[in-house]
Amino acid sequence: MNPEFHPSRLTAPCIIEQGILINKDDIKRALSDLGQVDYCYQLDGKCQRSGQGWILDVFSDAKQATIVMNQSLYLNVNSFDYLQLSVNEQRQTLLDLWQDSRQLRLIPLDSDQFFPDADQYFLSSDLESVVSEVLSAQLDVQLDQDGF
C-alpha cells in the first residue's frame, strides 16, 4: 500500500472541460465569470426559449428565482440540481444546468465577437484608474478652495 495514500482522506474532484458539478459553490464559481452567453431553455428536450444575454448575477438563495429577461441572466444555483460541463464538435464549452426535465444550456461567447476592436473599450482597471484620478483632482480643487 502506498504510504501517501490514506483511504479516509479524499481529495476534491478535478474537472477539466467535462464532468458534473453538484456542489453549489463549484457551480457558482463556474458560472460567475462567463460574461455573455447564448442560452437555450429546454423542457423535456424541446427548446422553449433561446437568445443571448449577459450573466449579471450568480447566487444561492432558497427563496429567489432564476430570472432570464431583457438579455440579462440572474442565475440562482438552487434552481438546479447540477451543472454538466461538456465540449461540442466546434470546441465550444457547454454548461447545462439541470433540474428534473428542465435544462438551461449556456454557451459562453467570445469577447472578440462583441468587442471586435477591444482597444476602443475601457477595461475595469482602466475605469478604476480614471475614477481615482477624478477623485484626486476633485480633492485638490476642494483643498485649493479651502485655502490649504
Protein backbone atom coordinates (compact mmCIF):
# COMPACT_ATOMS: atom_id res chain seq x y z
CA MET A 1 0.00 0.00 0.00
CA ASN A 2 1.25 3.46 -0.90
CA PRO A 3 2.25 5.24 2.35
CA GLU A 4 0.99 8.59 0.97
CA PHE A 5 -2.48 7.19 0.24
CA HIS A 6 -4.90 7.19 3.10
CA PRO A 7 -8.44 5.95 2.28
CA SER A 8 -10.13 8.31 4.74
CA ARG A 9 -8.54 11.37 3.12
CA LEU A 10 -10.37 12.05 -0.13
CA THR A 11 -9.26 14.84 -2.42
CA ALA A 12 -11.54 17.35 -4.05
CA PRO A 13 -12.51 16.46 -7.63
CA CYS A 14 -10.63 17.93 -10.59
CA ILE A 15 -12.93 18.73 -13.51
CA ILE A 16 -11.28 19.55 -16.83
CA GLU A 17 -13.65 20.62 -19.63
CA GLN A 18 -16.18 17.89 -18.91
CA GLY A 19 -17.91 16.46 -15.91
CA ILE A 20 -20.69 17.10 -13.44
CA LEU A 21 -20.68 19.63 -10.61
CA ILE A 22 -23.13 19.17 -7.75
CA ASN A 23 -21.54 21.42 -5.14
CA LYS A 24 -23.34 24.80 -5.26
CA ASP A 25 -20.13 26.76 -4.60
CA ASP A 26 -18.42 24.98 -7.51
CA ILE A 27 -21.38 25.75 -9.75
CA LYS A 28 -21.34 29.43 -8.72
CA ARG A 29 -17.61 29.63 -9.43
CA ALA A 30 -18.02 28.00 -12.86
CA LEU A 31 -20.81 30.41 -13.86
CA SER A 32 -19.70 33.68 -12.28
CA ASP A 33 -17.25 34.93 -14.91
CA LEU A 34 -18.89 33.77 -18.13
CA GLY A 35 -19.98 37.23 -19.30
CA GLN A 36 -22.12 37.00 -22.41
CA VAL A 37 -23.72 33.70 -23.39
CA ASP A 38 -26.07 32.05 -25.81
CA TYR A 39 -28.79 30.31 -23.84
CA CYS A 40 -31.49 27.77 -24.55
CA TYR A 41 -34.12 26.78 -22.01
CA GLN A 42 -35.37 23.26 -22.72
CA LEU A 43 -38.25 21.33 -21.26
CA ASP A 44 -38.37 17.60 -21.96
CA GLY A 45 -35.66 18.07 -24.60
CA LYS A 46 -37.53 20.75 -26.55
CA CYS A 47 -36.21 24.32 -26.71
CA GLN A 48 -38.80 26.67 -25.20
CA ARG A 49 -36.79 29.92 -25.29
CA SER A 50 -33.37 30.89 -26.58
CA GLY A 51 -31.30 34.00 -27.03
CA GLN A 52 -28.19 35.86 -25.94
CA GLY A 53 -27.62 37.66 -22.70
CA TRP A 54 -25.21 38.75 -20.02
CA ILE A 55 -24.85 36.86 -16.76
CA LEU A 56 -25.32 39.67 -14.25
CA ASP A 57 -25.59 37.69 -11.03
CA VAL A 58 -24.93 34.16 -9.82
CA PHE A 59 -26.21 33.46 -6.32
CA SER A 60 -27.51 30.80 -3.98
CA ASP A 61 -30.82 31.52 -2.25
CA ALA A 62 -33.63 29.07 -1.49
CA LYS A 63 -36.30 31.79 -1.84
CA GLN A 64 -35.29 33.58 -5.05
CA ALA A 65 -35.84 32.62 -8.65
CA THR A 66 -33.54 32.30 -11.61
CA ILE A 67 -34.58 35.07 -14.00
CA VAL A 68 -33.79 35.47 -17.69
CA MET A 69 -35.13 38.67 -19.30
CA ASN A 70 -34.01 41.70 -21.30
CA GLN A 71 -30.77 39.93 -22.28
CA SER A 72 -29.92 39.61 -18.58
CA LEU A 73 -29.44 36.38 -16.65
CA TYR A 74 -29.77 36.19 -12.87
CA LEU A 75 -28.84 32.61 -12.02
CA ASN A 76 -29.77 31.01 -8.72
CA VAL A 77 -27.78 27.79 -8.37
CA ASN A 78 -30.52 26.49 -6.06
CA SER A 79 -32.86 26.41 -9.07
CA PHE A 80 -30.87 23.45 -10.41
CA ASP A 81 -29.71 20.03 -9.21
CA TYR A 82 -26.36 20.00 -11.02
CA LEU A 83 -24.19 21.53 -13.76
CA GLN A 84 -22.94 19.34 -16.58
CA LEU A 85 -19.84 20.58 -18.44
CA SER A 86 -19.00 19.36 -21.93
CA VAL A 87 -17.42 20.46 -25.20
CA ASN A 88 -19.15 20.20 -28.58
CA GLU A 89 -17.66 19.47 -32.02
CA GLN A 90 -16.87 23.17 -32.56
CA ARG A 91 -14.81 23.15 -29.32
CA GLN A 92 -17.39 25.35 -27.57
CA THR A 93 -17.88 24.83 -23.86
CA LEU A 94 -21.43 23.82 -22.99
CA LEU A 95 -22.76 24.39 -19.49
CA ASP A 96 -26.04 22.57 -18.88
CA LEU A 97 -27.91 23.39 -15.70
CA TRP A 98 -30.33 20.55 -14.92
CA GLN A 99 -33.38 20.19 -12.70
CA ASP A 100 -35.56 17.19 -13.46
CA SER A 101 -36.61 17.53 -17.13
CA ARG A 102 -35.63 21.22 -17.30
CA GLN A 103 -32.32 22.25 -18.81
CA LEU A 104 -30.77 25.68 -19.19
CA ARG A 105 -27.89 25.44 -21.66
CA LEU A 106 -25.31 28.22 -21.60
CA ILE A 107 -22.65 28.65 -24.28
CA PRO A 108 -20.06 31.32 -23.46
CA LEU A 109 -19.42 33.73 -26.32
CA ASP A 110 -16.00 35.01 -27.33
CA SER A 111 -15.37 38.52 -26.12
CA ASP A 112 -13.85 39.23 -29.59
CA GLN A 113 -17.30 38.60 -31.05
CA PHE A 114 -18.69 41.56 -29.10
CA PHE A 115 -15.61 43.74 -28.88
CA PRO A 116 -14.02 43.44 -32.32
CA ASP A 117 -11.85 46.48 -31.64
CA ALA A 118 -11.09 45.99 -27.95
CA ASP A 119 -8.73 48.99 -27.92
CA GLN A 120 -11.79 51.26 -28.04
CA TYR A 121 -13.20 49.92 -24.78
CA PHE A 122 -12.18 50.51 -21.18
CA LEU A 123 -11.11 47.59 -19.08
CA SER A 124 -12.27 47.66 -15.47
CA SER A 125 -8.72 48.50 -14.35
CA ASP A 126 -8.74 51.48 -16.75
CA LEU A 127 -12.04 52.65 -15.29
CA GLU A 128 -10.72 52.36 -11.74
CA SER A 129 -7.69 54.43 -12.72
CA VAL A 130 -9.85 57.16 -14.30
CA VAL A 131 -12.17 57.30 -11.27
CA SER A 132 -9.17 57.53 -8.95
CA GLU A 133 -7.74 60.43 -10.96
CA VAL A 134 -11.08 62.29 -10.97
CA LEU A 135 -11.49 61.88 -7.21
CA SER A 136 -7.91 63.03 -6.62
CA ALA A 137 -8.42 66.08 -8.84
CA GLN A 138 -11.68 66.89 -7.05
CA LEU A 139 -9.90 66.70 -3.68
CA ASP A 140 -7.14 69.03 -4.97
CA VAL A 141 -9.73 71.58 -6.10
CA GLN A 142 -11.53 71.40 -2.76
CA LEU A 143 -8.26 71.88 -0.85
CA ASP A 144 -7.37 74.88 -3.05
CA GLN A 145 -10.78 76.43 -2.40
CA ASP A 146 -10.41 75.90 1.35
CA GLY A 147 -7.02 77.64 1.27
CA PHE A 148 -4.79 74.71 2.16
